[in-house]
């Protein structure tokens, strides 16, 4: 037993799990549009995903960058969809849109939920604050 512990590989950090090897070719705006079109997520799903991503970044060593943002968005929207959308797509569909295997996306989902400590409840006033923020950003673009 002691030998097994000594030979065990260390678990990757949350940052390492969400970090792409190379920067994806698709920009964030186009990636979000692709998710919306192919996975038919509600607009509310994106606001909830933003809240979840903010919580994950706050609770972990993850830094949002060109190498992490796509995986964070995909995983955040996946989880948000499971929380609020009645007819969401399955993990395999999300994985295909994100260029991941289903197994990899499942690992990202588990890590994301661990970082959230499974805190998926969002107070109405928090949701409204993030919604207003997103609306201001979109109207300024």
N, C-alpha and C. Protein backbone atom coordinates (compact mmCIF):
# COMPACT_ATOMS: atom_id res chain seq x y z
N UNK A 1 0.83 -1.19 0.00
CA UNK A 1 0.00 0.00 0.00
C UNK A 1 0.87 1.25 0.00
N UNK A 2 1.88 1.30 0.84
CA UNK A 2 2.76 2.46 0.90
C UNK A 2 3.49 2.67 -0.41
N UNK A 3 3.87 1.57 -1.07
CA UNK A 3 4.55 1.68 -2.36
C UNK A 3 3.63 2.27 -3.42
N UNK A 4 2.36 1.93 -3.36
CA UNK A 4 1.39 2.46 -4.33
C UNK A 4 1.25 3.97 -4.17
N UNK A 5 1.25 4.43 -2.94
CA UNK A 5 1.15 5.87 -2.69
C UNK A 5 2.40 6.58 -3.17
N UNK A 6 3.55 5.99 -2.92
CA UNK A 6 4.81 6.61 -3.32
C UNK A 6 4.93 6.69 -4.84
N UNK A 7 4.37 5.71 -5.56
CA UNK A 7 4.47 5.69 -7.01
C UNK A 7 3.33 6.41 -7.72
N UNK A 8 2.36 6.88 -6.96
CA UNK A 8 1.21 7.55 -7.56
C UNK A 8 1.64 8.87 -8.18
N UNK A 9 1.11 9.14 -9.36
CA UNK A 9 1.39 10.43 -10.00
C UNK A 9 0.57 11.51 -9.32
N UNK A 10 1.13 12.70 -9.15
CA UNK A 10 0.35 13.78 -8.55
C UNK A 10 -0.80 14.16 -9.47
N UNK A 11 -1.92 14.55 -8.87
CA UNK A 11 -3.05 15.00 -9.65
C UNK A 11 -2.73 16.34 -10.29
N UNK A 12 -3.17 16.52 -11.53
CA UNK A 12 -2.91 17.82 -12.16
C UNK A 12 -3.69 18.92 -11.47
N UNK A 13 -3.15 20.12 -11.51
CA UNK A 13 -3.85 21.26 -10.91
C UNK A 13 -5.08 21.57 -11.76
N UNK A 14 -5.98 22.32 -11.19
CA UNK A 14 -7.18 22.73 -11.94
C UNK A 14 -6.77 23.50 -13.19
N UNK A 15 -5.74 24.33 -13.07
CA UNK A 15 -5.27 25.11 -14.22
C UNK A 15 -4.81 24.18 -15.33
N UNK A 16 -4.04 23.16 -14.99
CA UNK A 16 -3.54 22.23 -16.00
C UNK A 16 -4.67 21.50 -16.70
N UNK A 17 -5.70 21.15 -15.97
CA UNK A 17 -6.83 20.42 -16.57
C UNK A 17 -7.53 21.25 -17.63
N UNK A 18 -7.64 22.55 -17.44
CA UNK A 18 -8.40 23.40 -18.35
C UNK A 18 -7.53 24.08 -19.40
N UNK A 19 -6.24 23.80 -19.39
CA UNK A 19 -5.32 24.46 -20.31
C UNK A 19 -5.16 23.66 -21.60
N UNK A 20 -5.46 24.31 -22.74
CA UNK A 20 -5.23 23.70 -24.05
C UNK A 20 -3.73 23.70 -24.32
N UNK A 21 -3.30 22.79 -25.18
CA UNK A 21 -1.89 22.74 -25.58
C UNK A 21 -1.56 23.91 -26.52
N UNK A 22 -2.49 24.23 -27.39
CA UNK A 22 -2.32 25.36 -28.31
C UNK A 22 -3.59 26.20 -28.28
N UNK A 23 -3.43 27.45 -28.62
CA UNK A 23 -4.58 28.35 -28.62
C UNK A 23 -5.56 27.94 -29.72
N UNK A 24 -6.83 27.78 -29.39
CA UNK A 24 -7.82 27.41 -30.41
C UNK A 24 -7.91 28.46 -31.52
N UNK A 25 -8.24 28.00 -32.72
CA UNK A 25 -8.36 28.90 -33.86
C UNK A 25 -9.59 29.79 -33.79
N UNK A 26 -10.61 29.35 -33.11
CA UNK A 26 -11.88 30.08 -33.06
C UNK A 26 -11.86 31.09 -31.90
N UNK A 27 -12.32 32.28 -32.19
CA UNK A 27 -12.40 33.32 -31.16
C UNK A 27 -13.56 33.06 -30.20
N UNK A 28 -13.56 33.77 -29.09
CA UNK A 28 -14.57 33.56 -28.06
C UNK A 28 -15.98 33.86 -28.58
N UNK A 29 -16.15 34.97 -29.27
CA UNK A 29 -17.47 35.34 -29.78
C UNK A 29 -18.02 34.26 -30.70
N UNK A 30 -17.17 33.80 -31.63
CA UNK A 30 -17.60 32.75 -32.56
C UNK A 30 -17.84 31.42 -31.85
N UNK A 31 -17.04 31.15 -30.83
CA UNK A 31 -17.21 29.91 -30.07
C UNK A 31 -18.55 29.92 -29.32
N UNK A 32 -18.89 31.04 -28.71
CA UNK A 32 -20.17 31.16 -28.02
C UNK A 32 -21.34 31.04 -29.00
N UNK A 33 -21.19 31.64 -30.18
CA UNK A 33 -22.24 31.53 -31.20
C UNK A 33 -22.40 30.08 -31.66
N UNK A 34 -21.30 29.38 -31.79
CA UNK A 34 -21.33 27.96 -32.18
C UNK A 34 -22.03 27.12 -31.11
N UNK A 35 -21.71 27.38 -29.86
CA UNK A 35 -22.37 26.66 -28.76
C UNK A 35 -23.86 26.93 -28.80
N UNK A 36 -24.23 28.18 -28.96
CA UNK A 36 -25.66 28.56 -28.98
C UNK A 36 -26.39 27.88 -30.14
N UNK A 37 -25.75 27.87 -31.30
CA UNK A 37 -26.39 27.32 -32.50
C UNK A 37 -26.47 25.79 -32.44
N UNK A 38 -25.35 25.14 -32.15
CA UNK A 38 -25.30 23.68 -32.24
C UNK A 38 -25.89 22.98 -31.02
N UNK A 39 -25.82 23.62 -29.86
CA UNK A 39 -26.26 22.96 -28.64
C UNK A 39 -27.58 23.53 -28.11
N UNK A 40 -28.07 24.55 -28.76
CA UNK A 40 -29.38 25.14 -28.45
C UNK A 40 -29.55 25.49 -26.97
N UNK A 41 -28.55 26.14 -26.42
CA UNK A 41 -28.62 26.58 -25.02
C UNK A 41 -29.46 27.85 -24.93
N UNK A 42 -30.12 28.00 -23.81
CA UNK A 42 -30.87 29.23 -23.57
C UNK A 42 -29.90 30.37 -23.27
N UNK A 43 -30.37 31.59 -23.45
CA UNK A 43 -29.54 32.76 -23.12
C UNK A 43 -29.21 32.77 -21.63
N UNK A 44 -30.15 32.34 -20.81
CA UNK A 44 -29.93 32.31 -19.37
C UNK A 44 -28.78 31.37 -19.00
N UNK A 45 -28.61 30.37 -19.81
CA UNK A 45 -27.53 29.40 -19.60
C UNK A 45 -26.15 30.09 -19.62
N UNK A 46 -26.00 31.04 -20.52
CA UNK A 46 -24.73 31.73 -20.64
C UNK A 46 -24.45 32.62 -19.43
N UNK A 47 -25.49 33.24 -18.89
CA UNK A 47 -25.32 34.05 -17.69
C UNK A 47 -24.93 33.16 -16.51
N UNK A 48 -25.63 32.06 -16.37
CA UNK A 48 -25.32 31.11 -15.29
C UNK A 48 -23.91 30.57 -15.44
N UNK A 49 -23.50 30.27 -16.67
CA UNK A 49 -22.13 29.79 -16.91
C UNK A 49 -21.10 30.84 -16.48
N UNK A 50 -21.38 32.10 -16.76
CA UNK A 50 -20.49 33.19 -16.35
C UNK A 50 -20.33 33.22 -14.83
N UNK A 51 -21.42 33.05 -14.13
CA UNK A 51 -21.38 33.03 -12.66
C UNK A 51 -20.54 31.85 -12.18
N UNK A 52 -20.79 30.68 -12.76
CA UNK A 52 -20.04 29.48 -12.36
C UNK A 52 -18.55 29.63 -12.65
N UNK A 53 -18.21 30.17 -13.81
CA UNK A 53 -16.80 30.36 -14.16
C UNK A 53 -16.15 31.33 -13.18
N UNK A 54 -16.84 32.40 -12.85
CA UNK A 54 -16.30 33.36 -11.88
C UNK A 54 -16.02 32.69 -10.54
N UNK A 55 -16.94 31.85 -10.10
CA UNK A 55 -16.75 31.12 -8.84
C UNK A 55 -15.56 30.16 -8.91
N UNK A 56 -15.43 29.47 -10.03
CA UNK A 56 -14.33 28.50 -10.19
C UNK A 56 -12.99 29.23 -10.17
N UNK A 57 -12.89 30.31 -10.90
CA UNK A 57 -11.63 31.07 -10.95
C UNK A 57 -11.28 31.59 -9.56
N UNK A 58 -12.28 32.07 -8.85
CA UNK A 58 -12.06 32.58 -7.50
C UNK A 58 -11.57 31.49 -6.54
N UNK A 59 -12.03 30.26 -6.73
CA UNK A 59 -11.75 29.17 -5.79
C UNK A 59 -10.53 28.32 -6.18
N UNK A 60 -9.88 28.63 -7.29
CA UNK A 60 -8.83 27.74 -7.77
C UNK A 60 -7.61 28.51 -8.26
N UNK A 61 -6.68 27.76 -8.84
CA UNK A 61 -5.48 28.37 -9.42
C UNK A 61 -5.67 28.70 -10.90
N UNK A 62 -6.88 28.60 -11.40
CA UNK A 62 -7.15 28.84 -12.82
C UNK A 62 -7.08 30.33 -13.13
N UNK A 63 -6.40 30.63 -14.22
CA UNK A 63 -6.32 31.98 -14.75
C UNK A 63 -6.99 31.94 -16.12
N UNK A 64 -7.88 32.86 -16.37
CA UNK A 64 -8.52 32.89 -17.68
C UNK A 64 -7.53 33.45 -18.69
N UNK A 65 -7.31 32.67 -19.74
CA UNK A 65 -6.37 33.06 -20.80
C UNK A 65 -6.87 32.47 -22.11
N UNK A 66 -6.15 32.75 -23.19
CA UNK A 66 -6.51 32.18 -24.49
C UNK A 66 -6.41 30.66 -24.48
N UNK A 67 -5.66 30.10 -23.54
CA UNK A 67 -5.50 28.64 -23.47
C UNK A 67 -6.52 27.97 -22.56
N UNK A 68 -7.23 28.73 -21.73
CA UNK A 68 -8.19 28.13 -20.80
C UNK A 68 -9.64 28.52 -21.07
N UNK A 69 -9.86 29.64 -21.71
CA UNK A 69 -11.21 30.20 -21.79
C UNK A 69 -12.20 29.31 -22.53
N UNK A 70 -11.78 28.64 -23.59
CA UNK A 70 -12.71 27.81 -24.37
C UNK A 70 -13.20 26.62 -23.55
N UNK A 71 -12.30 25.97 -22.86
CA UNK A 71 -12.69 24.81 -22.04
C UNK A 71 -13.54 25.24 -20.85
N UNK A 72 -13.21 26.38 -20.27
CA UNK A 72 -14.02 26.89 -19.16
C UNK A 72 -15.43 27.24 -19.65
N UNK A 73 -15.53 27.90 -20.78
CA UNK A 73 -16.83 28.25 -21.32
C UNK A 73 -17.65 27.01 -21.65
N UNK A 74 -17.05 26.07 -22.33
CA UNK A 74 -17.77 24.86 -22.71
C UNK A 74 -18.27 24.10 -21.48
N UNK A 75 -17.41 23.96 -20.49
CA UNK A 75 -17.79 23.23 -19.29
C UNK A 75 -18.82 24.01 -18.47
N UNK A 76 -18.62 25.31 -18.37
CA UNK A 76 -19.58 26.13 -17.63
C UNK A 76 -20.96 26.11 -18.26
N UNK A 77 -21.02 26.20 -19.59
CA UNK A 77 -22.31 26.16 -20.27
C UNK A 77 -22.94 24.77 -20.15
N UNK A 78 -22.13 23.74 -20.24
CA UNK A 78 -22.64 22.37 -20.06
C UNK A 78 -23.34 22.22 -18.72
N UNK A 79 -22.68 22.64 -17.67
CA UNK A 79 -23.24 22.50 -16.33
C UNK A 79 -24.46 23.41 -16.16
N UNK A 80 -24.37 24.63 -16.65
CA UNK A 80 -25.51 25.55 -16.56
C UNK A 80 -26.71 24.98 -17.30
N UNK A 81 -26.47 24.37 -18.44
CA UNK A 81 -27.55 23.77 -19.21
C UNK A 81 -28.23 22.65 -18.43
N UNK A 82 -27.44 21.87 -17.74
CA UNK A 82 -28.00 20.78 -16.93
C UNK A 82 -28.84 21.33 -15.77
N UNK A 83 -28.48 22.52 -15.30
CA UNK A 83 -29.20 23.12 -14.18
C UNK A 83 -30.53 23.73 -14.63
N UNK A 84 -30.56 24.42 -15.79
CA UNK A 84 -31.75 25.19 -16.12
C UNK A 84 -32.46 24.82 -17.42
N UNK A 85 -31.80 24.16 -18.33
CA UNK A 85 -32.46 23.83 -19.60
C UNK A 85 -33.09 22.44 -19.52
N UNK A 86 -34.35 22.36 -19.87
CA UNK A 86 -35.07 21.08 -19.79
C UNK A 86 -34.60 20.07 -20.83
N UNK A 87 -34.25 20.53 -22.00
CA UNK A 87 -33.90 19.62 -23.09
C UNK A 87 -32.49 19.91 -23.60
N UNK A 88 -31.52 19.83 -22.72
CA UNK A 88 -30.14 20.08 -23.11
C UNK A 88 -29.54 18.89 -23.84
N UNK A 89 -28.44 19.14 -24.51
CA UNK A 89 -27.72 18.09 -25.21
C UNK A 89 -26.87 17.29 -24.23
N UNK A 90 -26.41 16.13 -24.67
CA UNK A 90 -25.58 15.29 -23.81
C UNK A 90 -24.11 15.71 -23.89
N UNK A 91 -23.30 15.13 -23.02
CA UNK A 91 -21.88 15.47 -22.96
C UNK A 91 -21.16 15.19 -24.27
N UNK A 92 -21.55 14.13 -24.97
CA UNK A 92 -20.90 13.80 -26.24
C UNK A 92 -21.10 14.93 -27.26
N UNK A 93 -22.27 15.53 -27.27
CA UNK A 93 -22.54 16.64 -28.19
C UNK A 93 -21.70 17.86 -27.84
N UNK A 94 -21.60 18.15 -26.55
CA UNK A 94 -20.75 19.27 -26.12
C UNK A 94 -19.29 19.00 -26.45
N UNK A 95 -18.85 17.78 -26.22
CA UNK A 95 -17.46 17.42 -26.50
C UNK A 95 -17.15 17.61 -27.99
N UNK A 96 -18.08 17.20 -28.84
CA UNK A 96 -17.87 17.34 -30.29
C UNK A 96 -17.73 18.81 -30.68
N UNK A 97 -18.56 19.66 -30.12
CA UNK A 97 -18.49 21.10 -30.43
C UNK A 97 -17.17 21.68 -29.94
N UNK A 98 -16.69 21.21 -28.78
CA UNK A 98 -15.45 21.72 -28.22
C UNK A 98 -14.19 21.05 -28.71
N UNK A 99 -14.34 20.05 -29.57
CA UNK A 99 -13.15 19.35 -30.09
C UNK A 99 -12.48 18.48 -29.05
N UNK A 100 -13.25 17.98 -28.10
CA UNK A 100 -12.73 17.13 -27.03
C UNK A 100 -13.34 15.74 -27.14
N UNK A 101 -12.75 14.80 -26.45
CA UNK A 101 -13.40 13.52 -26.30
C UNK A 101 -14.42 13.65 -25.18
N UNK A 102 -15.40 12.77 -25.19
CA UNK A 102 -16.40 12.80 -24.12
C UNK A 102 -15.72 12.53 -22.78
N UNK A 103 -14.75 11.63 -22.78
CA UNK A 103 -14.03 11.31 -21.54
C UNK A 103 -13.33 12.55 -20.97
N UNK A 104 -12.69 13.32 -21.85
CA UNK A 104 -12.00 14.54 -21.40
C UNK A 104 -13.00 15.56 -20.86
N UNK A 105 -14.11 15.74 -21.55
CA UNK A 105 -15.12 16.68 -21.08
C UNK A 105 -15.70 16.21 -19.74
N UNK A 106 -15.91 14.92 -19.59
CA UNK A 106 -16.40 14.41 -18.31
C UNK A 106 -15.43 14.74 -17.18
N UNK A 107 -14.14 14.63 -17.45
CA UNK A 107 -13.13 14.99 -16.44
C UNK A 107 -13.18 16.47 -16.12
N UNK A 108 -13.32 17.30 -17.16
CA UNK A 108 -13.42 18.75 -16.94
C UNK A 108 -14.66 19.08 -16.12
N UNK A 109 -15.77 18.43 -16.43
CA UNK A 109 -17.01 18.66 -15.69
C UNK A 109 -16.83 18.29 -14.21
N UNK A 110 -16.21 17.15 -13.94
CA UNK A 110 -16.00 16.72 -12.56
C UNK A 110 -15.08 17.71 -11.83
N UNK A 111 -14.02 18.15 -12.48
CA UNK A 111 -13.11 19.11 -11.87
C UNK A 111 -13.80 20.44 -11.62
N UNK A 112 -14.58 20.90 -12.58
CA UNK A 112 -15.32 22.16 -12.46
C UNK A 112 -16.26 22.09 -11.26
N UNK A 113 -17.01 21.00 -11.17
CA UNK A 113 -17.95 20.84 -10.05
C UNK A 113 -17.22 20.75 -8.72
N UNK A 114 -16.06 20.10 -8.70
CA UNK A 114 -15.27 20.04 -7.47
C UNK A 114 -14.82 21.44 -7.06
N UNK A 115 -14.37 22.24 -8.04
CA UNK A 115 -13.93 23.60 -7.74
C UNK A 115 -15.10 24.45 -7.23
N UNK A 116 -16.29 24.19 -7.77
CA UNK A 116 -17.49 24.89 -7.30
C UNK A 116 -17.96 24.38 -5.94
N UNK A 117 -17.41 23.24 -5.52
CA UNK A 117 -17.89 22.54 -4.33
C UNK A 117 -19.39 22.26 -4.48
N UNK A 118 -19.78 22.00 -5.72
CA UNK A 118 -21.15 21.67 -6.07
C UNK A 118 -22.15 22.77 -5.67
N UNK A 119 -21.65 24.02 -5.53
CA UNK A 119 -22.53 25.15 -5.20
C UNK A 119 -23.14 25.67 -6.51
N UNK A 120 -24.29 25.13 -6.87
CA UNK A 120 -24.93 25.48 -8.13
C UNK A 120 -26.10 26.45 -7.95
N UNK A 121 -26.47 26.70 -6.73
CA UNK A 121 -27.55 27.65 -6.48
C UNK A 121 -27.03 29.07 -6.71
N UNK A 122 -27.83 29.88 -7.38
CA UNK A 122 -27.48 31.28 -7.63
C UNK A 122 -28.65 32.13 -7.15
N UNK A 123 -28.35 33.09 -6.30
CA UNK A 123 -29.39 34.00 -5.82
C UNK A 123 -29.85 34.90 -6.96
N UNK A 124 -31.11 35.26 -6.93
CA UNK A 124 -31.70 36.08 -8.00
C UNK A 124 -30.93 37.39 -8.18
N UNK A 125 -30.56 38.05 -7.09
CA UNK A 125 -29.85 39.33 -7.21
C UNK A 125 -28.45 39.14 -7.82
N UNK A 126 -27.81 38.02 -7.56
CA UNK A 126 -26.51 37.74 -8.20
C UNK A 126 -26.69 37.50 -9.70
N UNK A 127 -27.72 36.72 -10.03
CA UNK A 127 -28.00 36.47 -11.44
C UNK A 127 -28.26 37.78 -12.16
N UNK A 128 -29.07 38.66 -11.59
CA UNK A 128 -29.40 39.94 -12.23
C UNK A 128 -28.17 40.82 -12.40
N UNK A 129 -27.28 40.80 -11.42
CA UNK A 129 -26.05 41.60 -11.51
C UNK A 129 -25.20 41.14 -12.70
N UNK A 130 -25.02 39.83 -12.84
CA UNK A 130 -24.23 39.29 -13.95
C UNK A 130 -24.94 39.51 -15.28
N UNK A 131 -26.26 39.40 -15.30
CA UNK A 131 -27.03 39.63 -16.53
C UNK A 131 -26.86 41.06 -17.01
N UNK A 132 -26.96 42.02 -16.07
CA UNK A 132 -26.78 43.42 -16.42
C UNK A 132 -25.35 43.68 -16.90
N UNK A 133 -24.38 43.06 -16.26
CA UNK A 133 -22.99 43.20 -16.68
C UNK A 133 -22.80 42.69 -18.11
N UNK A 134 -23.34 41.51 -18.38
CA UNK A 134 -23.22 40.93 -19.71
C UNK A 134 -23.91 41.81 -20.75
N UNK A 135 -25.05 42.35 -20.42
CA UNK A 135 -25.77 43.24 -21.35
C UNK A 135 -24.96 44.50 -21.66
N UNK A 136 -24.32 45.07 -20.64
CA UNK A 136 -23.48 46.26 -20.85
C UNK A 136 -22.30 45.93 -21.75
N UNK A 137 -21.68 44.79 -21.52
CA UNK A 137 -20.52 44.40 -22.34
C UNK A 137 -20.93 44.18 -23.79
N UNK A 138 -22.05 43.49 -23.98
CA UNK A 138 -22.52 43.21 -25.34
C UNK A 138 -22.91 44.50 -26.05
N UNK A 139 -23.57 45.40 -25.37
CA UNK A 139 -23.99 46.65 -26.02
C UNK A 139 -22.80 47.56 -26.32
N UNK A 140 -21.71 47.42 -25.56
CA UNK A 140 -20.52 48.24 -25.80
C UNK A 140 -19.68 47.70 -26.96
N UNK A 141 -19.88 46.44 -27.30
CA UNK A 141 -19.05 45.81 -28.35
C UNK A 141 -19.50 46.18 -29.75
